[in-house]
Amino acid sequence: MESQTVVYYTFCLKRGKTPKDYKKYQRELADKILTYGFQEQFGISYVKEHVMLGEHGKPIWKTQNNICFNVSNTAGLVVCALSNLEVGVDAERICMARFPVVKHCCQPSEISYIMGQSQKISIEHESKKAAQEYHKLELNANQRQRFFQLWTLKESYIKMTGDGMYFPMREVSFTVENEDGGQEISSSQQGFFVQRRIGKYWISLCVEEQTAIEWQELSLL
């Protein structure tokens, strides 16, 4: 089978639902996307009973090895990736974030990318008072979009491997370069990475090896 990966996504407004009802609503949307995608990509029906969970909770299609999928949801968006290779996908809405989260999950080079070269931060060499100020520091708009750009890449990797949060986020680091209208993503870990920013959202994809990628917005759901 030729390597092929498809990323389906659909927007979903809250419609006044409670948080619990909204999560149920998003799970139902994910099931509808998977039902559509399995038929389109694999020519088979998506059956929940054919899904088992890996050691750390990754959903696995147990009846056939070359059928892989992954799901992500955030406020207002549901994303499903289908592939004949191991795949992980993460979607996040760009929202408020504080510097301690950046420091906890990012390498120094990533922190410089997020904060900007003009604002290099090294808490270890600052006074206690300055460190406390950094602890309260909220990211500005540009810093937030760069942080979630890297965060979703990290999440996509640990979801592809199936390790989840058992794998330290700092152990997978990224360099992103934008040149001639394109994007080059380098990682400390093995994988094929692609991402797309859609409005207020970052969607990042990790596949175990290079593959053709197709993006599809589904508005029929």
C-alpha atoms as a PDB file:
ATOM      1  CA  MET A   1       0.000   0.000   0.000  1.00  0.00           C
ATOM      2  CA  GLU A   2       1.350   3.429  -0.916  1.00  0.00           C
ATOM      3  CA  SER A   3       2.019   5.656   2.072  1.00  0.00           C
ATOM      4  CA  GLN A   4      -0.854   8.122   2.556  1.00  0.00           C
ATOM      5  CA  THR A   5      -1.977  10.225   5.509  1.00  0.00           C
ATOM      6  CA  VAL A   6      -5.125  12.330   5.668  1.00  0.00           C
ATOM      7  CA  VAL A   7      -5.949  14.941   8.308  1.00  0.00           C
ATOM      8  CA  TYR A   8      -9.657  15.664   8.710  1.00  0.00           C
ATOM      9  CA  TYR A   9     -10.845  18.571  10.820  1.00  0.00           C
ATOM     10  CA  THR A  10     -14.141  20.218  11.641  1.00  0.00           C
ATOM     11  CA  PHE A  11     -15.063  23.305  13.634  1.00  0.00           C
ATOM     12  CA  CYS A  12     -17.581  22.936  16.442  1.00  0.00           C
ATOM     13  CA  LEU A  13     -19.094  25.805  18.402  1.00  0.00           C
ATOM     14  CA  LYS A  14     -20.122  25.261  22.007  1.00  0.00           C
ATOM     15  CA  ARG A  15     -23.795  25.993  21.377  1.00  0.00           C
ATOM     16  CA  GLY A  16     -24.387  26.738  25.072  1.00  0.00           C
ATOM     17  CA  LYS A  17     -23.628  23.168  26.197  1.00  0.00           C
ATOM     18  CA  THR A  18     -22.165  22.326  29.606  1.00  0.00           C
ATOM     19  CA  PRO A  19     -18.477  21.250  29.605  1.00  0.00           C
ATOM     20  CA  LYS A  20     -19.499  17.606  30.086  1.00  0.00           C
ATOM     21  CA  ASP A  21     -22.037  17.737  27.260  1.00  0.00           C
ATOM     22  CA  TYR A  22     -19.568  19.549  25.025  1.00  0.00           C
ATOM     23  CA  LYS A  23     -16.940  16.823  25.475  1.00  0.00           C
ATOM     24  CA  LYS A  24     -19.561  14.210  24.605  1.00  0.00           C
ATOM     25  CA  TYR A  25     -20.530  16.271  21.546  1.00  0.00           C
ATOM     26  CA  GLN A  26     -16.889  16.387  20.407  1.00  0.00           C
ATOM     27  CA  ARG A  27     -16.475  12.622  20.891  1.00  0.00           C
ATOM     28  CA  GLU A  28     -19.536  12.090  18.725  1.00  0.00           C
ATOM     29  CA  LEU A  29     -18.057  14.358  16.046  1.00  0.00           C
ATOM     30  CA  ALA A  30     -14.780  12.405  16.180  1.00  0.00           C
ATOM     31  CA  ASP A  31     -16.692   9.150  15.695  1.00  0.00           C
ATOM     32  CA  LYS A  32     -18.470  10.645  12.675  1.00  0.00           C
ATOM     33  CA  ILE A  33     -15.170  11.771  11.178  1.00  0.00           C
ATOM     34  CA  LEU A  34     -13.642   8.323  11.739  1.00  0.00           C
ATOM     35  CA  THR A  35     -16.679   6.629  10.214  1.00  0.00           C
ATOM     36  CA  TYR A  36     -16.316   8.818   7.127  1.00  0.00           C
ATOM     37  CA  GLY A  37     -12.519   8.551   6.980  1.00  0.00           C
ATOM     38  CA  PHE A  38     -12.303   4.782   7.414  1.00  0.00           C
ATOM     39  CA  GLN A  39     -14.663   4.277   4.502  1.00  0.00           C
ATOM     40  CA  GLU A  40     -12.891   6.839   2.309  1.00  0.00           C
ATOM     41  CA  GLN A  41      -9.308   5.827   3.080  1.00  0.00           C
ATOM     42  CA  PHE A  42      -9.482   2.140   3.944  1.00  0.00           C
ATOM     43  CA  GLY A  43     -12.782   1.011   2.433  1.00  0.00           C
ATOM     44  CA  ILE A  44     -13.968  -0.486   5.711  1.00  0.00           C
ATOM     45  CA  SER A  45     -16.396   0.443   8.470  1.00  0.00           C
ATOM     46  CA  TYR A  46     -15.209   2.062  11.667  1.00  0.00           C
ATOM     47  CA  VAL A  47     -16.323  -0.176  14.523  1.00  0.00           C
ATOM     48  CA  LYS A  48     -15.576   0.924  18.102  1.00  0.00           C
ATOM     49  CA  GLU A  49     -15.299  -2.677  19.240  1.00  0.00           C
ATOM     50  CA  HIS A  50     -12.272  -3.089  16.963  1.00  0.00           C
ATOM     51  CA  VAL A  51     -10.342  -0.410  18.875  1.00  0.00           C
ATOM     52  CA  MET A  52      -8.137  -1.278  21.825  1.00  0.00           C
ATOM     53  CA  LEU A  53      -5.905   0.935  23.958  1.00  0.00           C
ATOM     54  CA  GLY A  54      -2.136   0.672  24.057  1.00  0.00           C
ATOM     55  CA  GLU A  55      -0.066   0.621  27.237  1.00  0.00           C
ATOM     56  CA  HIS A  56      -0.404   4.381  27.719  1.00  0.00           C
ATOM     57  CA  GLY A  57      -3.861   4.813  26.237  1.00  0.00           C
ATOM     58  CA  LYS A  58      -3.208   5.233  22.508  1.00  0.00           C
ATOM     59  CA  PRO A  59      -6.142   3.894  20.429  1.00  0.00           C
ATOM     60  CA  ILE A  60      -5.087   0.998  18.196  1.00  0.00           C
ATOM     61  CA  TRP A  61      -7.060  -0.731  15.427  1.00  0.00           C
ATOM     62  CA  LYS A  62      -6.670  -4.350  16.513  1.00  0.00           C
ATOM     63  CA  THR A  63      -7.823  -6.185  13.386  1.00  0.00           C
ATOM     64  CA  GLN A  64      -5.231  -4.881  10.906  1.00  0.00           C
ATOM     65  CA  ASN A  65      -1.686  -3.561  11.420  1.00  0.00           C
ATOM     66  CA  ASN A  66      -1.538  -1.013   8.595  1.00  0.00           C
ATOM     67  CA  ILE A  67      -4.578   0.971   9.760  1.00  0.00           C
ATOM     68  CA  CYS A  68      -3.599   3.756  12.149  1.00  0.00           C
ATOM     69  CA  PHE A  69      -5.467   6.773  13.435  1.00  0.00           C
ATOM     70  CA  ASN A  70      -5.284   9.473  16.074  1.00  0.00           C
ATOM     71  CA  VAL A  71      -7.717  12.068  17.386  1.00  0.00           C
ATOM     72  CA  SER A  72      -7.341  15.489  18.987  1.00  0.00           C
ATOM     73  CA  ASN A  73      -9.816  18.082  20.126  1.00  0.00           C
ATOM     74  CA  THR A  74      -9.661  21.565  21.592  1.00  0.00           C
ATOM     75  CA  ALA A  75     -12.202  24.316  22.170  1.00  0.00           C
ATOM     76  CA  GLY A  76     -13.994  24.721  18.847  1.00  0.00           C
ATOM     77  CA  LEU A  77     -12.136  22.099  16.801  1.00  0.00           C
ATOM     78  CA  VAL A  78     -11.969  18.306  16.332  1.00  0.00           C
ATOM     79  CA  VAL A  79      -9.159  16.697  14.296  1.00  0.00           C
ATOM     80  CA  CYS A  80      -8.619  13.090  13.158  1.00  0.00           C
ATOM     81  CA  ALA A  81      -5.578  11.739  11.308  1.00  0.00           C
ATOM     82  CA  LEU A  82      -5.731   8.462   9.358  1.00  0.00           C
ATOM     83  CA  SER A  83      -2.711   6.683   7.918  1.00  0.00           C
ATOM     84  CA  ASN A  84      -1.206   3.319   7.070  1.00  0.00           C
ATOM     85  CA  LEU A  85       1.752   4.388   9.268  1.00  0.00           C
ATOM     86  CA  GLU A  86       1.948   5.174  12.976  1.00  0.00           C
ATOM     87  CA  VAL A  87       0.564   8.681  13.388  1.00  0.00           C
ATOM     88  CA  GLY A  88      -0.075  11.287  16.074  1.00  0.00           C
ATOM     89  CA  VAL A  89      -1.968  14.547  15.780  1.00  0.00           C
ATOM     90  CA  ASP A  90      -2.476  17.449  18.152  1.00  0.00           C
ATOM     91  CA  ALA A  91      -4.629  20.559  17.850  1.00  0.00           C
ATOM     92  CA  GLU A  92      -4.597  23.502  20.228  1.00  0.00           C
ATOM     93  CA  ARG A  93      -6.359  26.829  20.345  1.00  0.00           C
ATOM     94  CA  ILE A  94      -3.859  29.643  20.874  1.00  0.00           C
ATOM     95  CA  CYS A  95      -4.717  31.027  24.309  1.00  0.00           C
ATOM     96  CA  MET A  96      -3.180  32.542  27.427  1.00  0.00           C
ATOM     97  CA  ALA A  97       0.040  30.941  28.673  1.00  0.00           C
ATOM     98  CA  ARG A  98       2.661  31.788  31.288  1.00  0.00           C
ATOM     99  CA  PHE A  99       6.429  31.556  31.098  1.00  0.00           C
ATOM    100  CA  PRO A 100       6.846  28.733  33.701  1.00  0.00           C
ATOM    101  CA  VAL A 101       5.029  26.351  31.335  1.00  0.00           C
ATOM    102  CA  VAL A 102       7.497  27.273  28.586  1.00  0.00           C
ATOM    103  CA  LYS A 103      10.475  26.678  30.867  1.00  0.00           C
ATOM    104  CA  HIS A 104       9.081  23.345  32.064  1.00  0.00           C
ATOM    105  CA  CYS A 105       8.688  21.743  28.623  1.00  0.00           C
ATOM    106  CA  CYS A 106      11.160  23.549  26.319  1.00  0.00           C
ATOM    107  CA  GLN A 107      14.895  23.512  25.701  1.00  0.00           C
ATOM    108  CA  PRO A 108      16.872  26.823  25.857  1.00  0.00           C
ATOM    109  CA  SER A 109      16.912  27.157  22.060  1.00  0.00           C
ATOM    110  CA  GLU A 110      13.137  26.712  21.967  1.00  0.00           C
ATOM    111  CA  ILE A 111      12.691  29.279  24.747  1.00  0.00           C
ATOM    112  CA  SER A 112      14.702  31.789  22.709  1.00  0.00           C
ATOM    113  CA  TYR A 113      12.506  31.081  19.677  1.00  0.00           C
ATOM    114  CA  ILE A 114       9.315  31.556  21.705  1.00  0.00           C
ATOM    115  CA  MET A 115      10.356  34.618  23.688  1.00  0.00           C
ATOM    116  CA  GLY A 116      12.253  36.326  20.861  1.00  0.00           C
ATOM    117  CA  GLN A 117      15.976  36.931  20.580  1.00  0.00           C
ATOM    118  CA  SER A 118      15.622  40.346  22.228  1.00  0.00           C
ATOM    119  CA  GLN A 119      14.253  38.755  25.428  1.00  0.00           C
ATOM    120  CA  LYS A 120      16.644  35.992  26.415  1.00  0.00           C
ATOM    121  CA  ILE A 121      15.767  34.587  29.820  1.00  0.00           C
ATOM    122  CA  SER A 122      17.902  32.475  32.130  1.00  0.00           C
ATOM    123  CA  ILE A 123      16.235  32.236  35.517  1.00  0.00           C
ATOM    124  CA  GLU A 124      19.160  30.301  37.001  1.00  0.00           C
ATOM    125  CA  HIS A 125      21.320  33.427  36.827  1.00  0.00           C
ATOM    126  CA  GLU A 126      18.693  35.923  37.973  1.00  0.00           C
ATOM    127  CA  SER A 127      17.907  37.155  41.461  1.00  0.00           C
ATOM    128  CA  LYS A 128      15.114  35.514  43.439  1.00  0.00           C
ATOM    129  CA  LYS A 129      12.942  38.591  42.919  1.00  0.00           C
ATOM    130  CA  ALA A 130      13.479  38.523  39.151  1.00  0.00           C
ATOM    131  CA  ALA A 131      12.701  34.799  39.068  1.00  0.00           C
ATOM    132  CA  GLN A 132       9.414  35.464  40.847  1.00  0.00           C
ATOM    133  CA  GLU A 133       8.561  38.079  38.228  1.00  0.00           C
ATOM    134  CA  TYR A 134       9.305  35.615  35.439  1.00  0.00           C
ATOM    135  CA  HIS A 135       7.040  33.092  37.172  1.00  0.00           C
ATOM    136  CA  LYS A 136       4.118  35.502  36.714  1.00  0.00           C
ATOM    137  CA  LEU A 137       5.070  36.521  33.190  1.00  0.00           C
ATOM    138  CA  GLU A 138       2.297  36.061  30.617  1.00  0.00           C
ATOM    139  CA  LEU A 139       3.251  35.500  26.998  1.00  0.00           C
ATOM    140  CA  ASN A 140       2.303  38.147  24.453  1.00  0.00           C
ATOM    141  CA  ALA A 141       0.427  37.320  21.247  1.00  0.00           C
ATOM    142  CA  ASN A 142       3.510  36.431  19.165  1.00  0.00           C
ATOM    143  CA  GLN A 143       5.036  34.392  21.971  1.00  0.00           C
ATOM    144  CA  ARG A 144       1.792  32.475  22.482  1.00  0.00           C
ATOM    145  CA  GLN A 145       1.531  31.490  18.833  1.00  0.00           C
ATOM    146  CA  ARG A 146       5.156  30.260  18.829  1.00  0.00           C
ATOM    147  CA  PHE A 147       4.670  28.365  22.081  1.00  0.00           C
ATOM    148  CA  PHE A 148       1.601  26.490  20.830  1.00  0.00           C
ATOM    149  CA  GLN A 149       3.357  25.880  17.518  1.00  0.00           C
ATOM    150  CA  LEU A 150       6.076  23.951  19.388  1.00  0.00           C
ATOM    151  CA  TRP A 151       3.719  22.459  21.982  1.00  0.00           C
ATOM    152  CA  THR A 152       1.553  20.800  19.325  1.00  0.00           C
ATOM    153  CA  LEU A 153       4.641  19.389  17.601  1.00  0.00           C
ATOM    154  CA  LYS A 154       5.788  17.859  20.890  1.00  0.00           C
ATOM    155  CA  GLU A 155       2.319  16.459  21.582  1.00  0.00           C
ATOM    156  CA  SER A 156       2.050  14.989  18.094  1.00  0.00           C
ATOM    157  CA  TYR A 157       5.311  13.095  18.629  1.00  0.00           C
ATOM    158  CA  ILE A 158       4.408  11.541  21.992  1.00  0.00           C
ATOM    159  CA  LYS A 159       0.979  10.636  20.604  1.00  0.00           C
ATOM    160  CA  MET A 160       2.585   8.970  17.569  1.00  0.00           C
ATOM    161  CA  THR A 161       4.886   6.854  19.729  1.00  0.00           C
ATOM    162  CA  GLY A 162       2.082   6.077  22.166  1.00  0.00           C
ATOM    163  CA  ASP A 163       4.225   7.130  25.139  1.00  0.00           C
ATOM    164  CA  GLY A 164       2.006  10.080  26.019  1.00  0.00           C
ATOM    165  CA  MET A 165       3.092  12.079  29.049  1.00  0.00           C
ATOM    166  CA  TYR A 166       5.353   9.207  30.118  1.00  0.00           C
ATOM    167  CA  PHE A 167       7.889  10.717  27.691  1.00  0.00           C
ATOM    168  CA  PRO A 168       9.348  14.040  28.996  1.00  0.00           C
ATOM    169  CA  MET A 169       8.277  16.927  26.756  1.00  0.00           C
ATOM    170  CA  ARG A 170      11.740  18.511  26.978  1.00  0.00           C
ATOM    171  CA  GLU A 171      13.277  15.391  25.425  1.00  0.00           C
ATOM    172  CA  VAL A 172      11.732  16.139  22.043  1.00  0.00           C
ATOM    173  CA  SER A 173      12.872  19.551  20.813  1.00  0.00           C
ATOM    174  CA  PHE A 174      12.283  21.412  17.575  1.00  0.00           C
ATOM    175  CA  THR A 175      13.756  24.020  15.303  1.00  0.00           C
ATOM    176  CA  VAL A 176      11.353  25.735  12.922  1.00  0.00           C
ATOM    177  CA  GLU A 177      12.630  27.788   9.991  1.00  0.00           C
ATOM    178  CA  ASN A 178      10.430  29.690   7.565  1.00  0.00           C
ATOM    179  CA  GLU A 179      12.029  30.318   4.181  1.00  0.00           C
ATOM    180  CA  ASP A 180      10.633  31.248   0.758  1.00  0.00           C
ATOM    181  CA  GLY A 181       7.051  30.780   1.913  1.00  0.00           C
ATOM    182  CA  GLY A 182       7.783  27.253   3.139  1.00  0.00           C
ATOM    183  CA  GLN A 183       8.541  25.705   6.498  1.00  0.00           C
ATOM    184  CA  GLU A 184      11.322  23.375   7.591  1.00  0.00           C
ATOM    185  CA  ILE A 185      10.892  21.488  10.865  1.00  0.00           C
ATOM    186  CA  SER A 186      13.867  19.764  12.503  1.00  0.00           C
ATOM    187  CA  SER A 187      13.476  17.520  15.545  1.00  0.00           C
ATOM    188  CA  SER A 188      15.721  15.809  18.078  1.00  0.00           C
ATOM    189  CA  GLN A 189      13.577  12.683  17.655  1.00  0.00           C
ATOM    190  CA  GLN A 190      12.802  10.538  14.631  1.00  0.00           C
ATOM    191  CA  GLY A 191       9.608  11.350  12.749  1.00  0.00           C
ATOM    192  CA  PHE A 192       8.058  13.201   9.823  1.00  0.00           C
ATOM    193  CA  PHE A 193       6.460  16.442  11.015  1.00  0.00           C
ATOM    194  CA  VAL A 194       3.954  18.707   9.294  1.00  0.00           C
ATOM    195  CA  GLN A 195       1.823  21.461  10.756  1.00  0.00           C
ATOM    196  CA  ARG A 196      -0.719  24.045   9.751  1.00  0.00           C
ATOM    197  CA  ARG A 197      -2.046  27.160  11.435  1.00  0.00           C
ATOM    198  CA  ILE A 198      -5.759  27.683  10.821  1.00  0.00           C
ATOM    199  CA  GLY A 199      -7.082  30.874  12.334  1.00  0.00           C
ATOM    200  CA  LYS A 200      -6.692  30.642  16.130  1.00  0.00           C
ATOM    201  CA  TYR A 201      -5.452  27.038  15.983  1.00  0.00           C
ATOM    202  CA  TRP A 202      -2.274  25.080  15.430  1.00  0.00           C
ATOM    203  CA  ILE A 203      -2.589  21.532  14.110  1.00  0.00           C
ATOM    204  CA  SER A 204       0.592  19.429  14.150  1.00  0.00           C
ATOM    205  CA  LEU A 205       1.093  15.968  12.701  1.00  0.00           C
ATOM    206  CA  CYS A 206       3.800  13.386  13.325  1.00  0.00           C
ATOM    207  CA  VAL A 207       4.107  10.280  11.139  1.00  0.00           C
ATOM    208  CA  GLU A 208       6.760   7.623  11.699  1.00  0.00           C
ATOM    209  CA  GLU A 209       8.243   8.258   8.244  1.00  0.00           C
ATOM    210  CA  GLN A 210       7.764  10.564   5.283  1.00  0.00           C
ATOM    211  CA  THR A 211       4.371  10.307   3.638  1.00  0.00           C
ATOM    212  CA  ALA A 212       2.030  12.205   1.367  1.00  0.00           C
ATOM    213  CA  ILE A 213      -0.238  14.475   3.450  1.00  0.00           C
ATOM    214  CA  GLU A 214      -3.757  15.613   2.600  1.00  0.00           C
ATOM    215  CA  TRP A 215      -5.779  18.108   4.636  1.00  0.00           C
ATOM    216  CA  GLN A 216      -9.565  18.079   4.509  1.00  0.00           C
ATOM    217  CA  GLU A 217     -12.043  20.314   6.309  1.00  0.00           C
ATOM    218  CA  LEU A 218     -15.334  18.548   6.856  1.00  0.00           C
ATOM    219  CA  SER A 219     -18.276  20.920   7.080  1.00  0.00           C
ATOM    220  CA  LEU A 220     -20.967  18.299   6.600  1.00  0.00           C
ATOM    221  CA  LEU A 221     -20.941  17.233  10.256  1.00  0.00           C
END
